[in-house]
Protein backbone atom coordinates (compact mmCIF):
# COMPACT_ATOMS: atom_id res chain seq x y z
CA MET A 1 159.16 79.70 138.37
CA GLU A 2 162.53 80.33 136.63
CA VAL A 3 163.70 82.22 139.92
CA ASN A 4 162.99 79.43 142.26
CA ILE A 5 165.26 76.99 139.99
CA ILE A 6 168.01 79.72 139.98
CA ILE A 7 167.82 80.03 143.64
CA PHE A 8 167.91 76.43 144.12
CA ILE A 9 170.97 76.06 142.02
CA ILE A 10 172.72 78.92 143.96
CA LEU A 11 171.92 77.33 147.53
CA MET A 12 173.09 73.59 145.91
CA ILE A 13 176.43 75.18 144.70
CA ALA A 14 177.09 77.31 147.88
CA SER A 15 176.19 74.26 150.00
CA MET A 16 178.54 72.15 148.09
CA TRP A 17 181.17 74.79 148.24
CA THR A 18 181.22 74.55 151.89
CA ILE A 19 181.39 70.77 151.98
CA PHE A 20 184.53 70.89 149.88
CA SER A 21 186.16 73.56 151.94
CA LYS A 22 185.70 71.55 155.31
CA PRO A 23 188.08 68.67 154.36
CA GLY A 24 190.57 71.00 152.54
CA LYS A 25 189.38 70.12 149.15
CA ALA A 26 189.54 72.35 146.14
CA ARG A 27 186.47 74.40 146.38
CA TRP A 28 186.26 74.74 142.64
CA ALA A 29 185.59 71.04 142.18
CA ALA A 30 182.05 71.67 143.96
CA ILE A 31 180.80 73.05 140.50
CA ALA A 32 182.50 70.65 138.18
CA PRO A 33 179.66 68.16 136.91
CA PHE A 34 181.56 64.97 137.42
CA TYR A 35 184.68 65.68 139.19
CA ASN A 36 183.14 66.39 142.51
CA ARG A 37 181.83 63.09 142.49
CA ILE A 38 185.14 61.77 142.02
CA VAL A 39 186.84 63.83 144.66
CA ILE A 40 184.17 63.36 147.50
């Protein structure tokens, strides 16, 4: 059960990382809790 949650979190971070890298935004903003909503 916990492994599924960890895999889901890693998948979400990886997808946000690619979303932020395409328009040239700072990739670290993908893992900042509220900053990523402001940047996007």
